[in-house]
Every structure is written in C-alpha cells, then in structure tokens.
Amino acid sequence: LDEHKYRPGPYTPLDLFLYRTWWKPFSEFLPRWLAPNALTLIGMSVVVSSAALLVVCSPSLVSTTPAWGELLTAFLLIVYQ
C-alpha cells in the first residue's frame, strides 16, 4: 500500500463542461471552512427529508400526495443534483 499512487482517469468533455459551468462556480460560493464531509451530510439530509416528506404525506405510498408535497420533493431533488 505504501507504493500505491492514485491515478485518475481521463476527463470527458462532459466533465470539463460541468467543471466550468457548475462545479467551479459553486465551489467558489462555499466558505473555505466548510468541510467536504459536511457537504455530503447536507446532500444526504436533503434526500432523506424528501423521502420523509413523501412518507408523511402518504404513509402507504399508494394514495395520492398533495401537489405541494410533490413540488417540494421535486425541488429538494433538484437541489440535491
């Protein structure tokens, strides 16, 4: 393990496009003191809260949910993306 060196794969055109348009501007918006693990936890909490919202609105997951619940869940999933 001491001799192992990480070598990332080649960047795709999509990687380069997303880096310029989303990743780099978003990372400059975040404070420097915010840990990467905190971003992971924030993303997880968004997904868990959207799933919990659907379960609260429709416990059996068979009945219809209110329109505001579906819109809020869609918004939270877009935030997660």
PDB file of N, CA and C in Angstrom:
ATOM      1  N   LEU A   1       0.797  -1.198   0.000  1.00  0.00           N
ATOM      2  CA  LEU A   1       0.000   0.000   0.000  1.00  0.00           C
ATOM      3  C   LEU A   1       0.842   1.266   0.000  1.00  0.00           C
ATOM      4  N   ASP A   2       2.019   1.186   0.548  1.00  0.00           N
ATOM      5  CA  ASP A   2       2.871   2.366   0.593  1.00  0.00           C
ATOM      6  C   ASP A   2       3.286   2.817  -0.802  1.00  0.00           C
ATOM      7  N   GLU A   3       3.371   1.884  -1.737  1.00  0.00           N
ATOM      8  CA  GLU A   3       3.828   2.210  -3.079  1.00  0.00           C
ATOM      9  C   GLU A   3       2.690   2.627  -4.014  1.00  0.00           C
ATOM     10  N   HIS A   4       1.463   2.493  -3.551  1.00  0.00           N
ATOM     11  CA  HIS A   4       0.316   2.820  -4.404  1.00  0.00           C
ATOM     12  C   HIS A   4       0.216   4.325  -4.627  1.00  0.00           C
ATOM     13  N   LYS A   5      -0.046   4.704  -5.862  1.00  0.00           N
ATOM     14  CA  LYS A   5      -0.245   6.103  -6.193  1.00  0.00           C
ATOM     15  C   LYS A   5      -1.537   6.210  -6.999  1.00  0.00           C
ATOM     16  N   TYR A   6      -2.420   7.092  -6.584  1.00  0.00           N
ATOM     17  CA  TYR A   6      -3.699   7.265  -7.259  1.00  0.00           C
ATOM     18  C   TYR A   6      -3.496   7.924  -8.618  1.00  0.00           C
ATOM     19  N   ARG A   7      -4.103   7.356  -9.641  1.00  0.00           N
ATOM     20  CA  ARG A   7      -4.084   7.931 -10.983  1.00  0.00           C
ATOM     21  C   ARG A   7      -5.520   8.059 -11.468  1.00  0.00           C
ATOM     22  N   PRO A   8      -6.036   9.275 -11.556  1.00  0.00           N
ATOM     23  CA  PRO A   8      -7.418   9.436 -12.023  1.00  0.00           C
ATOM     24  C   PRO A   8      -7.515   9.127 -13.511  1.00  0.00           C
ATOM     25  N   GLY A   9      -8.729   8.796 -13.921  1.00  0.00           N
ATOM     26  CA  GLY A   9      -8.962   8.528 -15.337  1.00  0.00           C
ATOM     27  C   GLY A   9      -9.000   9.820 -16.130  1.00  0.00           C
ATOM     28  N   PRO A  10      -9.083   9.707 -17.439  1.00  0.00           N
ATOM     29  CA  PRO A  10      -9.120  10.920 -18.272  1.00  0.00           C
ATOM     30  C   PRO A  10     -10.447  11.659 -18.092  1.00  0.00           C
ATOM     31  N   TYR A  11     -10.406  12.966 -18.245  1.00  0.00           N
ATOM     32  CA  TYR A  11     -11.617  13.772 -18.159  1.00  0.00           C
ATOM     33  C   TYR A  11     -12.390  13.665 -19.467  1.00  0.00           C
ATOM     34  N   THR A  12     -13.703  13.569 -19.356  1.00  0.00           N
ATOM     35  CA  THR A  12     -14.559  13.537 -20.538  1.00  0.00           C
ATOM     36  C   THR A  12     -14.968  14.963 -20.879  1.00  0.00           C
ATOM     37  N   PRO A  13     -15.486  15.196 -22.079  1.00  0.00           N
ATOM     38  CA  PRO A  13     -15.984  16.542 -22.402  1.00  0.00           C
ATOM     39  C   PRO A  13     -17.087  16.998 -21.449  1.00  0.00           C
ATOM     40  N   LEU A  14     -17.910  16.055 -20.974  1.00  0.00           N
ATOM     41  CA  LEU A  14     -18.960  16.417 -20.021  1.00  0.00           C
ATOM     42  C   LEU A  14     -18.349  16.872 -18.698  1.00  0.00           C
ATOM     43  N   ASP A  15     -17.294  16.208 -18.245  1.00  0.00           N
ATOM     44  CA  ASP A  15     -16.609  16.624 -17.015  1.00  0.00           C
ATOM     45  C   ASP A  15     -16.093  18.055 -17.145  1.00  0.00           C
ATOM     46  N   LEU A  16     -15.464  18.348 -18.264  1.00  0.00           N
ATOM     47  CA  LEU A  16     -14.908  19.690 -18.467  1.00  0.00           C
ATOM     48  C   LEU A  16     -16.008  20.742 -18.534  1.00  0.00           C
ATOM     49  N   PHE A  17     -17.114  20.416 -19.193  1.00  0.00           N
ATOM     50  CA  PHE A  17     -18.233  21.353 -19.278  1.00  0.00           C
ATOM     51  C   PHE A  17     -18.836  21.619 -17.900  1.00  0.00           C
ATOM     52  N   LEU A  18     -19.085  20.554 -17.143  1.00  0.00           N
ATOM     53  CA  LEU A  18     -19.670  20.721 -15.809  1.00  0.00           C
ATOM     54  C   LEU A  18     -18.707  21.439 -14.866  1.00  0.00           C
ATOM     55  N   TYR A  19     -17.419  21.220 -15.038  1.00  0.00           N
ATOM     56  CA  TYR A  19     -16.439  21.902 -14.198  1.00  0.00           C
ATOM     57  C   TYR A  19     -16.523  23.415 -14.409  1.00  0.00           C
ATOM     58  N   ARG A  20     -16.575  23.829 -15.659  1.00  0.00           N
ATOM     59  CA  ARG A  20     -16.624  25.270 -15.951  1.00  0.00           C
ATOM     60  C   ARG A  20     -17.942  25.895 -15.545  1.00  0.00           C
ATOM     61  N   THR A  21     -19.052  25.205 -15.787  1.00  0.00           N
ATOM     62  CA  THR A  21     -20.366  25.828 -15.603  1.00  0.00           C
ATOM     63  C   THR A  21     -20.971  25.609 -14.229  1.00  0.00           C
ATOM     64  N   TRP A  22     -20.596  24.542 -13.527  1.00  0.00           N
ATOM     65  CA  TRP A  22     -21.260  24.271 -12.258  1.00  0.00           C
ATOM     66  C   TRP A  22     -20.287  24.070 -11.104  1.00  0.00           C
ATOM     67  N   TRP A  23     -19.373  23.122 -11.196  1.00  0.00           N
ATOM     68  CA  TRP A  23     -18.543  22.756 -10.054  1.00  0.00           C
ATOM     69  C   TRP A  23     -17.668  23.908  -9.571  1.00  0.00           C
ATOM     70  N   LYS A  24     -16.956  24.554 -10.474  1.00  0.00           N
ATOM     71  CA  LYS A  24     -16.047  25.621 -10.063  1.00  0.00           C
ATOM     72  C   LYS A  24     -16.797  26.824  -9.494  1.00  0.00           C
ATOM     73  N   PRO A  25     -17.844  27.352 -10.181  1.00  0.00           N
ATOM     74  CA  PRO A  25     -18.574  28.484  -9.583  1.00  0.00           C
ATOM     75  C   PRO A  25     -19.225  28.128  -8.249  1.00  0.00           C
ATOM     76  N   PHE A  26     -19.761  26.926  -8.133  1.00  0.00           N
ATOM     77  CA  PHE A  26     -20.399  26.528  -6.882  1.00  0.00           C
ATOM     78  C   PHE A  26     -19.379  26.389  -5.757  1.00  0.00           C
ATOM     79  N   SER A  27     -18.211  25.843  -6.067  1.00  0.00           N
ATOM     80  CA  SER A  27     -17.200  25.678  -5.025  1.00  0.00           C
ATOM     81  C   SER A  27     -16.645  27.027  -4.561  1.00  0.00           C
ATOM     82  N   GLU A  28     -16.629  28.020  -5.431  1.00  0.00           N
ATOM     83  CA  GLU A  28     -16.174  29.349  -5.013  1.00  0.00           C
ATOM     84  C   GLU A  28     -17.220  30.064  -4.154  1.00  0.00           C
ATOM     85  N   PHE A  29     -18.473  29.656  -4.278  1.00  0.00           N
ATOM     86  CA  PHE A  29     -19.554  30.234  -3.476  1.00  0.00           C
ATOM     87  C   PHE A  29     -19.502  29.741  -2.031  1.00  0.00           C
ATOM     88  N   LEU A  30     -18.995  28.528  -1.828  1.00  0.00           N
ATOM     89  CA  LEU A  30     -18.964  27.923  -0.495  1.00  0.00           C
ATOM     90  C   LEU A  30     -17.828  28.503   0.335  1.00  0.00           C
ATOM     91  N   PRO A  31     -18.042  28.625   1.658  1.00  0.00           N
ATOM     92  CA  PRO A  31     -16.943  29.103   2.514  1.00  0.00           C
ATOM     93  C   PRO A  31     -15.827  28.068   2.599  1.00  0.00           C
ATOM     94  N   ARG A  32     -14.610  28.536   2.749  1.00  0.00           N
ATOM     95  CA  ARG A  32     -13.444  27.646   2.790  1.00  0.00           C
ATOM     96  C   ARG A  32     -13.421  26.766   4.033  1.00  0.00           C
ATOM     97  N   TRP A  33     -14.065  27.198   5.121  1.00  0.00           N
ATOM     98  CA  TRP A  33     -14.024  26.419   6.347  1.00  0.00           C
ATOM     99  C   TRP A  33     -14.996  25.236   6.325  1.00  0.00           C
ATOM    100  N   LEU A  34     -15.874  25.167   5.324  1.00  0.00           N
ATOM    101  CA  LEU A  34     -16.848  24.080   5.237  1.00  0.00           C
ATOM    102  C   LEU A  34     -16.166  22.808   4.729  1.00  0.00           C
ATOM    103  N   ALA A  35     -16.237  21.761   5.528  1.00  0.00           N
ATOM    104  CA  ALA A  35     -15.568  20.505   5.184  1.00  0.00           C
ATOM    105  C   ALA A  35     -16.326  19.763   4.084  1.00  0.00           C
ATOM    106  N   PRO A  36     -15.622  19.029   3.232  1.00  0.00           N
ATOM    107  CA  PRO A  36     -16.300  18.231   2.194  1.00  0.00           C
ATOM    108  C   PRO A  36     -17.286  17.224   2.775  1.00  0.00           C
ATOM    109  N   ASN A  37     -16.962  16.667   3.939  1.00  0.00           N
ATOM    110  CA  ASN A  37     -17.891  15.722   4.566  1.00  0.00           C
ATOM    111  C   ASN A  37     -19.182  16.411   4.978  1.00  0.00           C
ATOM    112  N   ALA A  38     -19.114  17.682   5.318  1.00  0.00           N
ATOM    113  CA  ALA A  38     -20.322  18.420   5.669  1.00  0.00           C
ATOM    114  C   ALA A  38     -21.224  18.569   4.443  1.00  0.00           C
ATOM    115  N   LEU A  39     -20.634  18.762   3.283  1.00  0.00           N
ATOM    116  CA  LEU A  39     -21.435  18.828   2.052  1.00  0.00           C
ATOM    117  C   LEU A  39     -22.135  17.505   1.786  1.00  0.00           C
ATOM    118  N   THR A  40     -21.447  16.408   2.050  1.00  0.00           N
ATOM    119  CA  THR A  40     -22.051  15.098   1.880  1.00  0.00           C
ATOM    120  C   THR A  40     -23.226  14.917   2.829  1.00  0.00           C
ATOM    121  N   LEU A  41     -23.068  15.339   4.070  1.00  0.00           N
ATOM    122  CA  LEU A  41     -24.155  15.226   5.040  1.00  0.00           C
ATOM    123  C   LEU A  41     -25.336  16.125   4.682  1.00  0.00           C
ATOM    124  N   ILE A  42     -25.056  17.296   4.157  1.00  0.00           N
ATOM    125  CA  ILE A  42     -26.133  18.190   3.722  1.00  0.00           C
ATOM    126  C   ILE A  42     -26.905  17.553   2.571  1.00  0.00           C
ATOM    127  N   GLY A  43     -26.184  16.981   1.603  1.00  0.00           N
ATOM    128  CA  GLY A  43     -26.847  16.308   0.491  1.00  0.00           C
ATOM    129  C   GLY A  43     -27.676  15.132   0.955  1.00  0.00           C
ATOM    130  N   MET A  44     -27.154  14.363   1.895  1.00  0.00           N
ATOM    131  CA  MET A  44     -27.905  13.227   2.419  1.00  0.00           C
ATOM    132  C   MET A  44     -29.156  13.690   3.156  1.00  0.00           C
ATOM    133  N   SER A  45     -29.052  14.772   3.907  1.00  0.00           N
ATOM    134  CA  SER A  45     -30.221  15.253   4.645  1.00  0.00           C
ATOM    135  C   SER A  45     -31.314  15.751   3.699  1.00  0.00           C
ATOM    136  N   VAL A  46     -30.933  16.305   2.553  1.00  0.00           N
ATOM    137  CA  VAL A  46     -31.923  16.739   1.568  1.00  0.00           C
ATOM    138  C   VAL A  46     -32.675  15.532   1.017  1.00  0.00           C
ATOM    139  N   VAL A  47     -31.958  14.470   0.688  1.00  0.00           N
ATOM    140  CA  VAL A  47     -32.598  13.267   0.145  1.00  0.00           C
ATOM    141  C   VAL A  47     -33.481  12.600   1.194  1.00  0.00           C
ATOM    142  N   VAL A  48     -32.990  12.488   2.416  1.00  0.00           N
ATOM    143  CA  VAL A  48     -33.765  11.856   3.486  1.00  0.00           C
ATOM    144  C   VAL A  48     -35.012  12.678   3.798  1.00  0.00           C
ATOM    145  N   SER A  49     -34.887  14.009   3.799  1.00  0.00           N
ATOM    146  CA  SER A  49     -36.057  14.837   4.087  1.00  0.00           C
ATOM    147  C   SER A  49     -37.104  14.750   2.980  1.00  0.00           C
ATOM    148  N   SER A  50     -36.676  14.621   1.730  1.00  0.00           N
ATOM    149  CA  SER A  50     -37.661  14.481   0.656  1.00  0.00           C
ATOM    150  C   SER A  50     -38.372  13.133   0.750  1.00  0.00           C
ATOM    151  N   ALA A  51     -37.662  12.073   1.107  1.00  0.00           N
ATOM    152  CA  ALA A  51     -38.297  10.764   1.283  1.00  0.00           C
ATOM    153  C   ALA A  51     -39.230  10.787   2.493  1.00  0.00           C
ATOM    154  N   ALA A  52     -38.807  11.425   3.575  1.00  0.00           N
ATOM    155  CA  ALA A  52     -39.658  11.515   4.763  1.00  0.00           C
ATOM    156  C   ALA A  52     -40.921  12.317   4.478  1.00  0.00           C
ATOM    157  N   LEU A  53     -40.802  13.355   3.679  1.00  0.00           N
ATOM    158  CA  LEU A  53     -41.969  14.150   3.317  1.00  0.00           C
ATOM    159  C   LEU A  53     -42.999  13.305   2.580  1.00  0.00           C
ATOM    160  N   LEU A  54     -42.541  12.482   1.646  1.00  0.00           N
ATOM    161  CA  LEU A  54     -43.471  11.617   0.919  1.00  0.00           C
ATOM    162  C   LEU A  54     -44.118  10.588   1.833  1.00  0.00           C
ATOM    163  N   VAL A  55     -43.372  10.045   2.776  1.00  0.00           N
ATOM    164  CA  VAL A  55     -43.926   9.059   3.698  1.00  0.00           C
ATOM    165  C   VAL A  55     -44.935   9.711   4.637  1.00  0.00           C
ATOM    166  N   VAL A  56     -44.679  10.928   5.067  1.00  0.00           N
ATOM    167  CA  VAL A  56     -45.619  11.628   5.947  1.00  0.00           C
ATOM    168  C   VAL A  56     -46.906  11.972   5.200  1.00  0.00           C
ATOM    169  N   CYS A  57     -46.770  12.403   3.957  1.00  0.00           N
ATOM    170  CA  CYS A  57     -47.952  12.775   3.173  1.00  0.00           C
ATOM    171  C   CYS A  57     -48.756  11.562   2.730  1.00  0.00           C
ATOM    172  N   SER A  58     -48.100  10.440   2.516  1.00  0.00           N
ATOM    173  CA  SER A  58     -48.773   9.223   2.056  1.00  0.00           C
ATOM    174  C   SER A  58     -48.102   8.026   2.714  1.00  0.00           C
ATOM    175  N   PRO A  59     -48.529   7.679   3.945  1.00  0.00           N
ATOM    176  CA  PRO A  59     -47.853   6.603   4.683  1.00  0.00           C
ATOM    177  C   PRO A  59     -47.850   5.256   3.959  1.00  0.00           C
ATOM    178  N   SER A  60     -48.899   4.963   3.197  1.00  0.00           N
ATOM    179  CA  SER A  60     -48.935   3.683   2.485  1.00  0.00           C
ATOM    180  C   SER A  60     -48.197   3.747   1.154  1.00  0.00           C
ATOM    181  N   LEU A  61     -47.848   4.953   0.715  1.00  0.00           N
ATOM    182  CA  LEU A  61     -47.193   5.203  -0.567  1.00  0.00           C
ATOM    183  C   LEU A  61     -48.035   4.714  -1.751  1.00  0.00           C
ATOM    184  N   VAL A  62     -49.350   4.562  -1.501  1.00  0.00           N
ATOM    185  CA  VAL A  62     -50.273   4.154  -2.555  1.00  0.00           C
ATOM    186  C   VAL A  62     -51.244   5.291  -2.862  1.00  0.00           C
ATOM    187  N   SER A  63     -51.668   5.985  -1.811  1.00  0.00           N
ATOM    188  CA  SER A  63     -52.596   7.089  -2.012  1.00  0.00           C
ATOM    189  C   SER A  63     -51.875   8.288  -2.617  1.00  0.00           C
ATOM    190  N   THR A  64     -52.658   9.211  -3.122  1.00  0.00           N
ATOM    191  CA  THR A  64     -52.052  10.386  -3.751  1.00  0.00           C
ATOM    192  C   THR A  64     -51.516  11.332  -2.690  1.00  0.00           C
ATOM    193  N   THR A  65     -50.510  12.058  -3.069  1.00  0.00           N
ATOM    194  CA  THR A  65     -49.937  13.063  -2.179  1.00  0.00           C
ATOM    195  C   THR A  65     -50.404  14.436  -2.628  1.00  0.00           C
ATOM    196  N   PRO A  66     -50.398  15.409  -1.742  1.00  0.00           N
ATOM    197  CA  PRO A  66     -50.789  16.760  -2.157  1.00  0.00           C
ATOM    198  C   PRO A  66     -49.796  17.329  -3.175  1.00  0.00           C
ATOM    199  N   ALA A  67     -50.295  18.228  -3.984  1.00  0.00           N
ATOM    200  CA  ALA A  67     -49.455  18.820  -5.032  1.00  0.00           C
ATOM    201  C   ALA A  67     -48.253  19.535  -4.435  1.00  0.00           C
ATOM    202  N   TRP A  68     -48.438  20.216  -3.295  1.00  0.00           N
ATOM    203  CA  TRP A  68     -47.321  20.939  -2.692  1.00  0.00           C
ATOM    204  C   TRP A  68     -46.232  19.967  -2.228  1.00  0.00           C
ATOM    205  N   GLY A  69     -46.638  18.768  -1.792  1.00  0.00           N
ATOM    206  CA  GLY A  69     -45.654  17.776  -1.364  1.00  0.00           C
ATOM    207  C   GLY A  69     -44.827  17.261  -2.529  1.00  0.00           C
ATOM    208  N   GLU A  70     -45.497  17.030  -3.652  1.00  0.00           N
ATOM    209  CA  GLU A  70     -44.769  16.572  -4.830  1.00  0.00           C
ATOM    210  C   GLU A  70     -43.847  17.660  -5.367  1.00  0.00           C
ATOM    211  N   LEU A  71     -44.326  18.904  -5.356  1.00  0.00           N
ATOM    212  CA  LEU A  71     -43.484  20.006  -5.834  1.00  0.00           C
ATOM    213  C   LEU A  71     -42.277  20.225  -4.931  1.00  0.00           C
ATOM    214  N   LEU A  72     -42.502  20.143  -3.627  1.00  0.00           N
ATOM    215  CA  LEU A  72     -41.392  20.320  -2.690  1.00  0.00           C
ATOM    216  C   LEU A  72     -40.381  19.181  -2.815  1.00  0.00           C
ATOM    217  N   THR A  73     -40.873  17.962  -3.003  1.00  0.00           N
ATOM    218  CA  THR A  73     -39.968  16.829  -3.196  1.00  0.00           C
ATOM    219  C   THR A  73     -39.156  17.002  -4.488  1.00  0.00           C
ATOM    220  N   ALA A  74     -39.815  17.437  -5.559  1.00  0.00           N
ATOM    221  CA  ALA A  74     -39.093  17.673  -6.811  1.00  0.00           C
ATOM    222  C   ALA A  74     -38.039  18.761  -6.629  1.00  0.00           C
ATOM    223  N   PHE A  75     -38.393  19.829  -5.916  1.00  0.00           N
ATOM    224  CA  PHE A  75     -37.435  20.905  -5.654  1.00  0.00           C
ATOM    225  C   PHE A  75     -36.242  20.393  -4.856  1.00  0.00           C
ATOM    226  N   LEU A  76     -36.500  19.604  -3.829  1.00  0.00           N
ATOM    227  CA  LEU A  76     -35.407  19.076  -3.000  1.00  0.00           C
ATOM    228  C   LEU A  76     -34.493  18.144  -3.799  1.00  0.00           C
ATOM    229  N   LEU A  77     -35.058  17.377  -4.697  1.00  0.00           N
ATOM    230  CA  LEU A  77     -34.213  16.502  -5.512  1.00  0.00           C
ATOM    231  C   LEU A  77     -33.383  17.309  -6.512  1.00  0.00           C
ATOM    232  N   ILE A  78     -33.925  18.416  -7.007  1.00  0.00           N
ATOM    233  CA  ILE A  78     -33.145  19.274  -7.882  1.00  0.00           C
ATOM    234  C   ILE A  78     -32.021  19.946  -7.100  1.00  0.00           C
ATOM    235  N   VAL A  79     -32.312  20.349  -5.864  1.00  0.00           N
ATOM    236  CA  VAL A  79     -31.270  20.918  -5.010  1.00  0.00           C
ATOM    237  C   VAL A  79     -30.161  19.906  -4.788  1.00  0.00           C
ATOM    238  N   TYR A  80     -30.542  18.644  -4.589  1.00  0.00           N
ATOM    239  CA  TYR A  80     -29.544  17.601  -4.386  1.00  0.00           C
ATOM    240  C   TYR A  80     -28.652  17.424  -5.606  1.00  0.00           C
ATOM    241  N   GLN A  81     -29.214  17.554  -6.789  1.00  0.00           N
ATOM    242  CA  GLN A  81     -28.438  17.385  -8.027  1.00  0.00           C
ATOM    243  C   GLN A  81     -27.387  18.450  -8.110  1.00  0.00           C
TER     244      GLN A  81
END
